[in-house]
N, C-alpha and C. Protein backbone atom coordinates (compact mmCIF):
# COMPACT_ATOMS: atom_id res chain seq x y z
N MET A 1 107.69 82.87 103.43
CA MET A 1 106.80 81.76 103.42
C MET A 1 105.36 82.23 103.23
N ALA A 2 104.73 81.66 102.21
CA ALA A 2 103.30 82.07 101.87
C ALA A 2 102.39 81.57 102.87
N THR A 3 101.35 82.41 103.23
CA THR A 3 100.25 82.01 104.16
C THR A 3 99.00 82.17 103.40
N THR A 4 98.01 81.57 103.94
CA THR A 4 96.68 81.57 103.40
C THR A 4 95.92 82.75 103.95
N ILE A 5 95.28 83.52 102.96
CA ILE A 5 94.47 84.70 103.43
C ILE A 5 93.00 84.27 103.17
N THR A 6 92.16 84.50 104.14
CA THR A 6 90.74 84.21 103.91
C THR A 6 89.94 85.53 103.97
N LEU A 7 89.24 85.75 102.90
CA LEU A 7 88.47 87.03 102.79
C LEU A 7 87.01 86.71 102.45
N THR A 8 86.05 87.52 103.12
CA THR A 8 84.70 87.40 102.69
C THR A 8 84.56 88.03 101.33
N ASP A 9 83.41 87.82 100.67
CA ASP A 9 83.18 88.42 99.37
C ASP A 9 83.25 89.95 99.51
N SER A 10 82.69 90.46 100.63
CA SER A 10 82.76 91.98 100.73
C SER A 10 84.12 92.46 100.90
N HIS A 11 84.89 91.79 101.70
CA HIS A 11 86.30 92.27 101.90
C HIS A 11 87.09 92.13 100.55
N PHE A 12 86.86 91.02 99.86
CA PHE A 12 87.52 90.92 98.63
C PHE A 12 87.21 91.94 97.60
N LEU A 13 85.94 92.22 97.51
CA LEU A 13 85.57 93.36 96.54
C LEU A 13 86.01 94.68 97.05
N SER A 14 86.16 94.94 98.32
CA SER A 14 86.61 96.19 98.82
C SER A 14 88.07 96.44 98.42
N ILE A 15 88.84 95.45 98.64
CA ILE A 15 90.26 95.50 98.28
C ILE A 15 90.48 95.63 96.78
N LEU A 16 89.72 95.01 96.03
CA LEU A 16 89.76 95.17 94.57
C LEU A 16 89.40 96.60 94.16
N GLN A 17 88.45 97.24 94.80
CA GLN A 17 88.03 98.64 94.49
C GLN A 17 89.20 99.50 94.98
N LEU A 18 89.75 99.33 96.19
CA LEU A 18 90.74 100.19 96.67
C LEU A 18 92.01 100.10 95.78
N ALA A 19 92.42 98.99 95.27
CA ALA A 19 93.59 98.85 94.50
C ALA A 19 93.36 98.97 93.04
N SER A 20 92.20 99.35 92.64
CA SER A 20 91.84 99.42 91.14
C SER A 20 92.56 100.54 90.48
N PRO A 21 93.02 100.34 89.23
CA PRO A 21 93.58 101.47 88.49
C PRO A 21 92.49 102.54 88.18
N ALA A 22 91.22 102.13 88.24
CA ALA A 22 90.13 103.08 88.02
C ALA A 22 89.84 103.98 89.23
N LEU A 23 90.47 103.73 90.37
CA LEU A 23 90.23 104.61 91.48
C LEU A 23 90.73 106.05 91.18
N PRO A 24 89.85 107.00 91.30
CA PRO A 24 90.09 108.36 90.79
C PRO A 24 91.00 109.12 91.78
N VAL A 25 92.28 108.66 91.86
CA VAL A 25 93.33 109.43 92.75
C VAL A 25 94.41 109.98 91.97
N GLY A 26 94.41 109.78 90.63
CA GLY A 26 95.42 110.38 89.80
C GLY A 26 96.73 109.75 89.73
N ALA A 27 96.77 108.35 90.13
CA ALA A 27 98.00 107.71 90.14
C ALA A 27 98.62 107.53 88.72
N TYR A 28 97.84 107.51 87.69
CA TYR A 28 98.27 107.29 86.37
C TYR A 28 99.10 108.46 85.92
N SER A 29 99.12 109.60 86.57
CA SER A 29 99.84 110.81 86.11
C SER A 29 101.25 110.92 86.69
N TYR A 30 101.66 109.80 87.52
CA TYR A 30 102.94 109.86 88.11
C TYR A 30 103.76 108.63 87.65
N SER A 31 105.10 108.93 87.38
CA SER A 31 105.97 107.96 87.06
C SER A 31 107.06 107.60 88.04
N GLU A 32 107.20 108.41 89.11
CA GLU A 32 108.11 108.34 90.14
C GLU A 32 109.53 108.20 89.55
N GLY A 33 109.92 109.23 88.70
CA GLY A 33 111.15 109.27 88.14
C GLY A 33 111.45 108.35 86.92
N LEU A 34 110.54 107.42 86.58
CA LEU A 34 110.85 106.55 85.50
C LEU A 34 111.01 107.39 84.23
N GLU A 35 110.18 108.47 84.02
CA GLU A 35 110.30 109.21 82.84
C GLU A 35 111.72 109.75 82.61
N MET A 36 112.42 110.13 83.64
CA MET A 36 113.69 110.62 83.49
C MET A 36 114.66 109.45 83.32
N LEU A 37 114.49 108.33 83.95
CA LEU A 37 115.41 107.19 83.85
C LEU A 37 115.27 106.58 82.44
N ILE A 38 114.17 106.72 81.83
CA ILE A 38 114.04 106.20 80.49
C ILE A 38 114.65 107.10 79.52
N GLU A 39 114.51 108.39 79.68
CA GLU A 39 115.08 109.34 78.83
C GLU A 39 116.60 109.24 78.84
N ASN A 40 117.16 109.06 80.05
CA ASN A 40 118.72 109.09 80.14
C ASN A 40 119.28 107.72 79.92
N GLY A 41 118.48 106.68 79.51
CA GLY A 41 118.94 105.34 79.09
C GLY A 41 119.19 104.44 80.29
N THR A 42 118.93 104.78 81.51
CA THR A 42 119.03 103.78 82.61
C THR A 42 118.08 102.66 82.47
N ILE A 43 116.91 102.92 82.08
CA ILE A 43 115.94 101.87 81.84
C ILE A 43 115.52 101.89 80.31
N THR A 44 115.79 100.80 79.68
CA THR A 44 115.59 100.73 78.25
C THR A 44 114.72 99.58 77.81
N ASN A 45 114.35 98.67 78.64
CA ASN A 45 113.55 97.44 78.22
C ASN A 45 112.79 96.86 79.44
N SER A 46 112.20 95.78 79.17
CA SER A 46 111.44 95.06 80.32
C SER A 46 112.35 94.63 81.43
N GLN A 47 113.58 94.08 81.06
CA GLN A 47 114.45 93.58 82.12
C GLN A 47 115.04 94.66 82.99
N SER A 48 115.32 95.80 82.41
CA SER A 48 115.90 96.86 83.27
C SER A 48 114.84 97.50 84.12
N LEU A 49 113.55 97.53 83.62
CA LEU A 49 112.46 98.03 84.43
C LEU A 49 112.21 97.05 85.60
N LYS A 50 112.23 95.85 85.27
CA LYS A 50 112.06 94.79 86.31
C LYS A 50 113.12 94.97 87.45
N GLN A 51 114.37 95.17 87.02
CA GLN A 51 115.50 95.37 88.06
C GLN A 51 115.18 96.55 88.91
N TRP A 52 114.76 97.60 88.23
CA TRP A 52 114.43 98.86 89.05
C TRP A 52 113.30 98.61 90.02
N LEU A 53 112.24 97.96 89.66
CA LEU A 53 111.11 97.66 90.52
C LEU A 53 111.52 96.77 91.62
N GLU A 54 112.35 95.75 91.31
CA GLU A 54 112.77 94.79 92.46
C GLU A 54 113.61 95.56 93.41
N ALA A 55 114.47 96.50 93.02
CA ALA A 55 115.28 97.24 93.90
C ALA A 55 114.51 98.08 94.85
N GLU A 56 113.53 98.70 94.23
CA GLU A 56 112.51 99.59 95.01
C GLU A 56 111.77 98.77 96.08
N LEU A 57 111.37 97.55 95.68
CA LEU A 57 110.62 96.71 96.61
C LEU A 57 111.53 96.14 97.79
N ARG A 58 112.79 95.89 97.45
CA ARG A 58 113.67 95.33 98.32
C ARG A 58 114.32 96.31 99.31
N TYR A 59 114.64 97.55 98.74
CA TYR A 59 115.47 98.49 99.46
C TYR A 59 114.99 99.92 99.43
N GLY A 60 114.01 100.21 98.58
CA GLY A 60 113.63 101.63 98.27
C GLY A 60 112.48 102.21 99.06
N ALA A 61 112.01 103.36 98.54
CA ALA A 61 111.06 104.16 99.30
C ALA A 61 109.69 103.45 99.36
N MET A 62 109.43 102.56 98.46
CA MET A 62 108.12 101.89 98.40
C MET A 62 108.03 100.92 99.64
N ARG A 63 109.15 100.38 99.97
CA ARG A 63 109.15 99.50 101.19
C ARG A 63 108.85 100.35 102.44
N LEU A 64 109.35 101.53 102.48
CA LEU A 64 108.99 102.46 103.62
C LEU A 64 107.61 102.84 103.58
N ASP A 65 107.03 103.17 102.50
CA ASP A 65 105.70 103.58 102.39
C ASP A 65 104.76 102.49 102.90
N ALA A 66 105.10 101.25 102.45
CA ALA A 66 104.34 100.06 102.78
C ALA A 66 104.35 99.86 104.29
N ALA A 67 105.49 99.96 104.94
CA ALA A 67 105.65 99.81 106.36
C ALA A 67 104.88 100.73 107.17
N VAL A 68 104.81 101.97 106.66
CA VAL A 68 104.06 103.05 107.41
C VAL A 68 102.58 102.73 107.19
N MET A 69 102.10 102.28 105.92
CA MET A 69 100.75 101.90 105.76
C MET A 69 100.32 100.87 106.78
N VAL A 70 101.16 99.89 107.05
CA VAL A 70 100.83 98.80 108.00
C VAL A 70 100.62 99.42 109.39
N ARG A 71 101.49 100.30 109.74
CA ARG A 71 101.27 101.00 111.13
C ARG A 71 100.07 101.88 111.19
N VAL A 72 99.69 102.49 110.14
CA VAL A 72 98.44 103.25 110.10
C VAL A 72 97.22 102.31 110.18
N TRP A 73 97.34 101.23 109.47
CA TRP A 73 96.24 100.24 109.58
C TRP A 73 96.05 99.81 111.03
N GLN A 74 97.08 99.53 111.73
CA GLN A 74 97.02 99.11 113.15
C GLN A 74 96.49 100.20 113.96
N ALA A 75 96.90 101.40 113.70
CA ALA A 75 96.37 102.60 114.58
C ALA A 75 94.85 102.90 114.29
N ALA A 76 94.57 102.81 112.98
CA ALA A 76 93.13 103.08 112.70
C ALA A 76 92.18 102.04 113.28
N LYS A 77 92.68 100.82 113.39
CA LYS A 77 91.79 99.80 113.90
C LYS A 77 91.30 100.07 115.34
N VAL A 78 92.16 100.77 116.12
CA VAL A 78 91.80 101.12 117.43
C VAL A 78 91.49 102.54 117.67
N GLY A 79 91.51 103.32 116.56
CA GLY A 79 91.10 104.76 116.73
C GLY A 79 92.13 105.54 117.41
N ASP A 80 93.51 105.28 117.11
CA ASP A 80 94.57 105.99 117.77
C ASP A 80 94.98 107.15 116.83
N VAL A 81 94.31 108.19 116.98
CA VAL A 81 94.45 109.40 116.03
C VAL A 81 95.81 110.05 116.23
N GLU A 82 96.38 110.01 117.45
CA GLU A 82 97.69 110.64 117.67
C GLU A 82 98.79 109.84 116.82
N THR A 83 98.69 108.50 116.83
CA THR A 83 99.68 107.71 116.06
C THR A 83 99.44 107.98 114.56
N LEU A 84 98.20 108.21 114.14
CA LEU A 84 97.94 108.43 112.69
C LEU A 84 98.59 109.72 112.30
N ARG A 85 98.43 110.79 113.08
CA ARG A 85 99.03 112.08 112.86
C ARG A 85 100.56 111.96 112.79
N ARG A 86 101.08 111.26 113.70
CA ARG A 86 102.62 111.10 113.89
C ARG A 86 103.18 110.46 112.54
N TRP A 87 102.63 109.36 112.19
CA TRP A 87 103.07 108.67 111.01
C TRP A 87 102.88 109.56 109.71
N ASN A 88 101.85 110.27 109.61
CA ASN A 88 101.59 111.17 108.40
C ASN A 88 102.72 112.20 108.41
N LEU A 89 102.99 112.80 109.48
CA LEU A 89 104.06 113.81 109.58
C LEU A 89 105.43 113.20 109.30
N TRP A 90 105.69 111.97 109.81
CA TRP A 90 106.93 111.32 109.64
C TRP A 90 107.13 110.96 108.19
N LEU A 91 106.17 110.49 107.51
CA LEU A 91 106.30 110.15 106.10
C LEU A 91 106.50 111.39 105.21
N SER A 92 105.76 112.45 105.51
CA SER A 92 106.03 113.74 104.80
C SER A 92 107.44 114.23 104.93
N ALA A 93 108.02 114.01 106.17
CA ALA A 93 109.36 114.44 106.32
C ALA A 93 110.43 113.52 105.68
N ALA A 94 109.93 112.26 105.38
CA ALA A 94 110.92 111.31 104.85
C ALA A 94 111.05 111.55 103.28
N ARG A 95 110.17 112.32 102.74
CA ARG A 95 110.24 112.49 101.31
C ARG A 95 111.51 113.37 100.89
N GLU A 96 112.19 113.01 99.87
CA GLU A 96 113.42 113.64 99.57
C GLU A 96 113.35 114.65 98.48
N THR A 97 112.21 114.68 97.74
CA THR A 97 112.07 115.63 96.73
C THR A 97 110.62 116.27 96.81
N GLU A 98 110.49 117.42 96.12
CA GLU A 98 109.17 118.16 96.13
C GLU A 98 108.18 117.33 95.33
N GLU A 99 108.58 116.70 94.18
CA GLU A 99 107.67 115.99 93.38
C GLU A 99 107.13 114.85 94.08
N LEU A 100 107.92 114.07 94.82
CA LEU A 100 107.52 112.76 95.51
C LEU A 100 106.53 113.28 96.67
N ARG A 101 106.86 114.30 97.37
CA ARG A 101 105.99 114.74 98.48
C ARG A 101 104.66 115.14 97.91
N ALA A 102 104.70 116.00 96.83
CA ALA A 102 103.41 116.46 96.23
C ALA A 102 102.58 115.30 95.71
N SER A 103 103.15 114.34 95.12
CA SER A 103 102.35 113.27 94.58
C SER A 103 101.72 112.41 95.67
N GLY A 104 102.44 112.21 96.75
CA GLY A 104 101.85 111.52 97.96
C GLY A 104 100.69 112.33 98.65
N TRP A 105 100.83 113.60 98.65
CA TRP A 105 99.79 114.41 99.24
C TRP A 105 98.66 114.51 98.34
N GLN A 106 98.82 114.70 97.00
CA GLN A 106 97.74 114.80 96.11
C GLN A 106 96.86 113.47 96.08
N MET A 107 97.47 112.34 95.96
CA MET A 107 96.80 111.09 95.90
C MET A 107 96.12 110.85 97.25
N GLY A 108 96.73 111.26 98.37
CA GLY A 108 96.14 111.01 99.68
C GLY A 108 95.01 111.87 99.84
N ARG A 109 95.00 113.14 99.44
CA ARG A 109 93.81 114.07 99.56
C ARG A 109 92.67 113.60 98.69
N SER A 110 92.95 113.05 97.43
CA SER A 110 91.96 112.62 96.54
C SER A 110 91.26 111.38 97.19
N LEU A 111 92.10 110.45 97.79
CA LEU A 111 91.45 109.18 98.31
C LEU A 111 90.59 109.60 99.53
N MET A 112 91.08 110.42 100.39
CA MET A 112 90.31 110.78 101.66
C MET A 112 88.97 111.51 101.24
N GLN A 113 89.09 112.37 100.17
CA GLN A 113 87.85 113.04 99.80
C GLN A 113 86.84 112.04 99.15
N LEU A 114 87.39 111.02 98.42
CA LEU A 114 86.52 109.98 97.92
C LEU A 114 85.84 109.22 99.05
N LEU A 115 86.68 108.80 99.97
CA LEU A 115 86.22 107.92 101.03
C LEU A 115 85.14 108.74 101.85
N GLY A 116 85.37 109.99 102.05
CA GLY A 116 84.39 110.79 102.80
C GLY A 116 83.02 110.82 102.10
N LYS A 117 82.98 110.71 100.75
CA LYS A 117 81.72 110.79 100.07
C LYS A 117 81.08 109.37 100.02
N LEU A 118 81.94 108.34 99.91
CA LEU A 118 81.48 106.97 99.91
C LEU A 118 81.12 106.41 101.33
N GLN A 119 81.82 106.78 102.35
CA GLN A 119 81.65 106.30 103.68
C GLN A 119 81.85 107.54 104.66
N PRO A 120 80.88 108.43 104.83
CA PRO A 120 80.94 109.53 105.71
C PRO A 120 81.46 109.28 107.18
N GLU A 121 81.25 108.03 107.57
CA GLU A 121 81.62 107.77 108.95
C GLU A 121 83.17 107.70 109.15
N ILE A 122 83.91 107.75 108.02
CA ILE A 122 85.40 107.70 108.11
C ILE A 122 85.95 109.16 108.28
N LEU A 123 85.04 110.21 108.09
CA LEU A 123 85.53 111.57 108.14
C LEU A 123 86.21 111.91 109.51
N PRO A 124 85.76 111.40 110.69
CA PRO A 124 86.50 111.81 111.95
C PRO A 124 87.95 111.39 111.82
N LEU A 125 88.33 110.30 111.34
CA LEU A 125 89.68 109.88 111.22
C LEU A 125 90.39 110.75 110.18
N ALA A 126 89.71 111.03 109.07
CA ALA A 126 90.36 111.93 108.10
C ALA A 126 90.65 113.30 108.63
N ASP A 127 89.68 113.76 109.42
CA ASP A 127 89.89 115.21 110.05
C ASP A 127 91.02 115.11 111.02
N ALA A 128 91.12 113.99 111.76
CA ALA A 128 92.14 113.88 112.87
C ALA A 128 93.54 113.84 112.15
N VAL A 129 93.67 113.20 111.06
CA VAL A 129 95.01 113.17 110.37
C VAL A 129 95.29 114.60 109.86
N GLY A 130 94.30 115.24 109.28
CA GLY A 130 94.51 116.64 108.76
C GLY A 130 94.92 116.61 107.27
N ASN A 131 95.22 117.81 106.86
CA ASN A 131 95.63 118.03 105.39
C ASN A 131 96.96 118.85 105.42
N PRO A 132 98.03 118.27 104.68
CA PRO A 132 98.00 117.21 103.77
C PRO A 132 98.05 115.85 104.35
N CYS A 133 97.46 114.91 103.61
CA CYS A 133 97.53 113.48 104.07
C CYS A 133 98.20 112.64 102.98
N ASN A 134 99.19 111.92 103.38
CA ASN A 134 99.91 111.01 102.35
C ASN A 134 99.05 109.93 101.99
N TYR A 135 99.33 109.36 100.74
CA TYR A 135 98.53 108.26 100.19
C TYR A 135 98.57 107.06 100.94
N ALA A 136 99.79 106.72 101.50
CA ALA A 136 99.96 105.45 102.29
C ALA A 136 99.01 105.65 103.56
N ILE A 137 98.89 106.78 104.07
CA ILE A 137 98.03 106.97 105.26
C ILE A 137 96.64 106.71 104.97
N ALA A 138 96.18 107.36 103.84
CA ALA A 138 94.74 107.19 103.42
C ALA A 138 94.41 105.76 103.12
N PHE A 139 95.35 105.03 102.45
CA PHE A 139 95.11 103.67 102.08
C PHE A 139 95.03 102.74 103.36
N GLY A 140 95.89 103.01 104.28
CA GLY A 140 95.86 102.31 105.60
C GLY A 140 94.52 102.50 106.31
N ILE A 141 94.08 103.72 106.34
CA ILE A 141 92.81 104.05 107.05
C ILE A 141 91.65 103.37 106.32
N ALA A 142 91.66 103.42 104.93
CA ALA A 142 90.58 102.77 104.21
C ALA A 142 90.53 101.31 104.45
N SER A 143 91.74 100.71 104.43
CA SER A 143 91.83 99.22 104.60
C SER A 143 91.34 98.87 106.02
N ALA A 144 91.67 99.57 107.02
CA ALA A 144 91.20 99.33 108.36
C ALA A 144 89.72 99.51 108.54
N HIS A 145 89.16 100.60 107.87
CA HIS A 145 87.79 100.92 108.00
C HIS A 145 86.94 99.80 107.39
N TRP A 146 87.49 99.28 106.14
CA TRP A 146 86.77 98.13 105.57
C TRP A 146 87.07 96.80 106.08
N ASP A 147 87.84 96.77 107.27
CA ASP A 147 88.21 95.60 107.88
C ASP A 147 88.87 94.48 106.96
N ILE A 148 89.83 95.00 106.19
CA ILE A 148 90.55 94.12 105.19
C ILE A 148 91.75 93.59 105.94
N ASP A 149 92.00 92.34 105.85
CA ASP A 149 93.16 91.69 106.41
C ASP A 149 94.40 92.47 105.99
N ILE A 150 95.32 92.75 106.90
CA ILE A 150 96.53 93.55 106.67
C ILE A 150 97.38 92.99 105.62
N GLN A 151 97.50 91.61 105.59
CA GLN A 151 98.35 91.03 104.54
C GLN A 151 97.81 91.22 103.21
N ALA A 152 96.41 91.10 103.05
CA ALA A 152 95.76 91.31 101.83
C ALA A 152 95.90 92.77 101.40
N ALA A 153 95.80 93.71 102.38
CA ALA A 153 95.92 95.13 102.07
C ALA A 153 97.33 95.50 101.58
N LEU A 154 98.31 94.89 102.19
CA LEU A 154 99.70 95.16 101.88
C LEU A 154 100.01 94.64 100.46
N LEU A 155 99.64 93.49 100.18
CA LEU A 155 99.80 92.88 98.82
C LEU A 155 99.11 93.69 97.75
N ALA A 156 97.90 94.20 98.09
CA ALA A 156 97.20 95.03 97.06
C ALA A 156 97.94 96.36 96.89
N TYR A 157 98.46 96.81 98.01
CA TYR A 157 99.18 98.19 97.94
C TYR A 157 100.38 98.03 97.01
N LEU A 158 101.21 97.07 97.22
CA LEU A 158 102.37 96.79 96.45
C LEU A 158 101.99 96.46 94.98
N HIS A 159 100.94 95.68 94.83
CA HIS A 159 100.56 95.40 93.38
C HIS A 159 100.03 96.60 92.61
N SER A 160 99.29 97.47 93.30
CA SER A 160 98.75 98.67 92.65
C SER A 160 99.92 99.60 92.30
N TRP A 161 100.87 99.69 93.12
CA TRP A 161 102.05 100.50 92.86
C TRP A 161 102.82 100.00 91.73
N ALA A 162 103.06 98.75 91.58
CA ALA A 162 103.77 98.17 90.61
C ALA A 162 103.01 98.29 89.23
N THR A 163 101.74 98.11 89.27
CA THR A 163 100.85 98.16 88.09
C THR A 163 100.99 99.54 87.47
N ASN A 164 100.98 100.51 88.35
CA ASN A 164 100.97 101.96 87.83
C ASN A 164 102.34 102.23 87.15
N LEU A 165 103.46 101.71 87.80
CA LEU A 165 104.77 102.04 87.13
C LEU A 165 105.01 101.15 85.84
N ILE A 166 104.46 99.93 85.86
CA ILE A 166 104.63 99.16 84.67
C ILE A 166 103.82 99.78 83.57
N THR A 167 102.62 100.29 83.86
CA THR A 167 101.86 101.01 82.79
C THR A 167 102.60 102.19 82.28
N ALA A 168 103.28 102.89 83.17
CA ALA A 168 104.10 104.04 82.76
C ALA A 168 105.30 103.61 81.80
N GLY A 169 105.80 102.48 82.18
CA GLY A 169 106.87 101.85 81.35
C GLY A 169 106.45 101.38 80.00
N VAL A 170 105.18 100.80 79.95
CA VAL A 170 104.63 100.41 78.67
C VAL A 170 104.54 101.60 77.78
N LYS A 171 104.15 102.76 78.22
CA LYS A 171 104.01 103.96 77.48
C LYS A 171 105.27 104.66 77.10
N LEU A 172 106.22 104.69 78.01
CA LEU A 172 107.41 105.41 77.80
C LEU A 172 108.55 104.69 77.10
N ILE A 173 108.77 103.40 77.37
CA ILE A 173 109.95 102.72 76.83
C ILE A 173 109.97 102.65 75.32
N PRO A 174 108.90 102.23 74.58
CA PRO A 174 107.63 101.62 74.97
C PRO A 174 107.82 100.10 75.09
N LEU A 175 106.83 99.47 75.83
CA LEU A 175 106.74 98.07 75.89
C LEU A 175 105.37 97.60 75.35
N GLY A 176 105.26 96.39 74.95
CA GLY A 176 103.88 95.91 74.55
C GLY A 176 103.13 95.58 75.84
N GLN A 177 101.77 95.57 75.63
CA GLN A 177 100.89 95.27 76.71
C GLN A 177 101.27 93.83 77.29
N THR A 178 101.51 92.91 76.53
CA THR A 178 101.91 91.52 76.92
C THR A 178 103.13 91.53 77.78
N ALA A 179 104.12 92.26 77.29
CA ALA A 179 105.35 92.35 78.11
C ALA A 179 105.10 92.91 79.47
N GLY A 180 104.23 93.91 79.60
CA GLY A 180 103.90 94.50 80.85
C GLY A 180 103.23 93.52 81.75
N GLN A 181 102.37 92.70 81.27
CA GLN A 181 101.64 91.69 81.99
C GLN A 181 102.54 90.58 82.48
N GLU A 182 103.46 90.23 81.46
CA GLU A 182 104.49 89.19 81.96
C GLU A 182 105.44 89.69 83.16
N LEU A 183 105.67 90.99 83.05
CA LEU A 183 106.50 91.52 84.12
C LEU A 183 105.77 91.56 85.47
N LEU A 184 104.54 91.97 85.39
CA LEU A 184 103.71 91.87 86.62
C LEU A 184 103.58 90.47 87.15
N LEU A 185 103.46 89.55 86.30
CA LEU A 185 103.33 88.11 86.77
C LEU A 185 104.63 87.69 87.34
N GLU A 186 105.77 88.09 86.77
CA GLU A 186 107.11 87.64 87.32
C GLU A 186 107.40 88.30 88.70
N LEU A 187 106.71 89.37 89.05
CA LEU A 187 106.99 90.02 90.30
C LEU A 187 106.15 89.41 91.43
N GLN A 188 105.18 88.51 91.15
CA GLN A 188 104.37 88.03 92.16
C GLN A 188 105.03 87.45 93.36
N GLY A 189 106.07 86.69 93.17
CA GLY A 189 106.82 86.09 94.27
C GLY A 189 107.42 87.07 95.07
N LEU A 190 108.00 88.21 94.45
CA LEU A 190 108.58 89.24 95.23
C LEU A 190 107.63 90.01 96.07
N PHE A 191 106.34 90.17 95.57
CA PHE A 191 105.24 90.80 96.34
C PHE A 191 105.08 90.10 97.58
N SER A 192 105.00 88.74 97.50
CA SER A 192 104.74 87.89 98.69
C SER A 192 105.89 87.99 99.68
N ALA A 193 107.15 87.82 99.18
CA ALA A 193 108.25 87.84 100.02
C ALA A 193 108.39 89.27 100.74
N ALA A 194 108.13 90.29 100.03
CA ALA A 194 108.29 91.60 100.55
C ALA A 194 107.19 91.84 101.61
N THR A 195 106.07 91.24 101.35
CA THR A 195 104.93 91.47 102.36
C THR A 195 105.31 90.81 103.77
N VAL A 196 105.93 89.64 103.66
CA VAL A 196 106.31 88.98 104.89
C VAL A 196 107.37 89.76 105.59
N GLU A 197 108.39 90.28 104.91
CA GLU A 197 109.48 91.05 105.39
C GLU A 197 108.96 92.42 106.04
N ILE A 198 108.08 93.10 105.35
CA ILE A 198 107.65 94.34 105.82
C ILE A 198 106.77 94.18 107.04
N LEU A 199 105.95 93.19 107.10
CA LEU A 199 105.07 92.98 108.30
C LEU A 199 105.99 92.72 109.48
N ALA A 200 107.17 92.20 109.32
CA ALA A 200 108.05 91.84 110.46
C ALA A 200 108.97 93.05 110.90
N LEU A 201 108.88 94.14 110.12
CA LEU A 201 109.83 95.22 110.49
C LEU A 201 109.41 95.88 111.77
N ALA A 202 110.43 96.20 112.57
CA ALA A 202 110.30 97.00 113.75
C ALA A 202 110.38 98.51 113.42
N ASP A 203 109.87 99.31 114.28
CA ASP A 203 109.95 100.73 113.98
C ASP A 203 111.39 101.26 113.74
N ASP A 204 112.34 100.65 114.56
CA ASP A 204 113.74 101.13 114.54
C ASP A 204 114.40 100.65 113.26
N ASP A 205 113.75 99.71 112.51
CA ASP A 205 114.39 99.24 111.35
C ASP A 205 113.84 99.90 110.03
N LEU A 206 113.01 100.90 110.23
CA LEU A 206 112.49 101.64 109.10
C LEU A 206 113.53 102.50 108.37
N GLY A 207 113.78 102.24 107.07
CA GLY A 207 114.77 103.01 106.42
C GLY A 207 114.68 102.51 104.98
N CYS A 208 115.35 103.31 104.04
CA CYS A 208 115.50 102.82 102.71
C CYS A 208 116.71 103.39 102.04
N CYS A 209 117.05 102.85 101.00
CA CYS A 209 118.16 103.32 100.09
C CYS A 209 117.57 103.79 98.80
N SER A 210 117.25 105.11 98.77
CA SER A 210 116.54 105.62 97.64
C SER A 210 117.19 106.79 96.84
N TRP A 211 118.45 106.81 96.84
CA TRP A 211 119.23 107.89 96.23
C TRP A 211 118.94 107.96 94.71
N GLY A 212 118.89 106.75 94.12
CA GLY A 212 118.68 106.69 92.64
C GLY A 212 117.27 107.36 92.35
N LEU A 213 116.29 106.94 93.15
CA LEU A 213 114.94 107.53 92.92
C LEU A 213 114.95 109.17 93.18
N SER A 214 115.63 109.51 94.18
CA SER A 214 115.72 110.93 94.50
C SER A 214 116.32 111.67 93.41
N LEU A 215 117.49 111.21 92.83
CA LEU A 215 118.19 111.95 91.86
C LEU A 215 117.26 111.97 90.50
N ALA A 216 116.69 110.86 90.17
CA ALA A 216 115.77 110.83 89.07
C ALA A 216 114.65 111.84 89.20
N SER A 217 114.07 111.89 90.43
CA SER A 217 112.92 112.79 90.72
C SER A 217 113.33 114.27 90.63
N MET A 218 114.54 114.57 91.12
CA MET A 218 114.97 115.92 91.08
C MET A 218 115.24 116.39 89.68
N GLN A 219 115.89 115.46 88.86
CA GLN A 219 116.16 115.77 87.50
C GLN A 219 114.85 115.93 86.72
N HIS A 220 113.84 115.12 87.01
CA HIS A 220 112.60 115.17 86.32
C HIS A 220 111.94 116.48 86.44
N GLU A 221 112.12 117.20 87.52
CA GLU A 221 111.51 118.56 87.75
C GLU A 221 111.85 119.45 86.71
N THR A 222 113.00 119.37 86.07
CA THR A 222 113.45 120.19 84.96
C THR A 222 113.53 119.60 83.60
N GLN A 223 113.01 118.41 83.49
CA GLN A 223 113.07 117.61 82.24
C GLN A 223 112.29 118.37 81.15
N TYR A 224 112.78 118.52 80.02
CA TYR A 224 112.35 119.41 79.02
C TYR A 224 110.89 118.95 78.49
N THR A 225 110.76 117.64 78.12
CA THR A 225 109.51 117.08 77.69
C THR A 225 109.03 116.17 78.60
N ARG A 226 107.81 116.32 79.13
CA ARG A 226 107.25 115.44 80.18
C ARG A 226 105.87 115.00 79.83
N LEU A 227 105.55 113.70 80.04
CA LEU A 227 104.16 113.24 80.05
C LEU A 227 103.53 113.08 81.43
N PHE A 228 104.44 112.92 82.47
CA PHE A 228 103.99 112.56 83.83
C PHE A 228 104.38 113.69 84.82
N ARG A 229 103.66 113.74 85.87
CA ARG A 229 103.95 114.79 86.88
C ARG A 229 105.11 114.52 87.80
N SER A 230 105.64 113.28 87.77
CA SER A 230 106.81 112.93 88.63
C SER A 230 107.70 111.96 87.82
């Protein structure tokens, strides 16, 4: 069920900046296994890409990342550094391949370094989490620090993830730019539904079915021709 989110101009602009494709964290260099799936014929067009993204949002690793981001936002709001550390370690341990772990660490490190330069007062939380820091952790800390509503932060997190993978699909399948934007528009309802479900998840319910992603990621490590790092 959709709910109304009220944001001040400052909060709205902050979440746009945090979720922007121009954010210098290197997200554009990762395809999360899509490059392998397109090469082996699993994903061949806009419809099969949409099915893959829908499955990831409903059952996959992105759902897990997003749920951890919510918990980090909650902990960062009250300065609970022990919980921040625990969820960072937990998420690192949940990664099933070296590529996926490395991408989360690289993007998290880049975001924390950027935030430290933009808002030095965030450095104590960054230092408390330590290095390596997963991207979901850094995103949650930034959202809490900028006092962004958690529902808005979660929607932005899911949207930026999908935007990045659709952009990879546009390049690799290839798809036209219009087809990519149509796909992003078609996923809006699922973003909203997934946000409601993720916010309601209890800690004991955290889990995912990501064997397809894991196999694609492992195969990508030895893929002969690659444009992307994952």
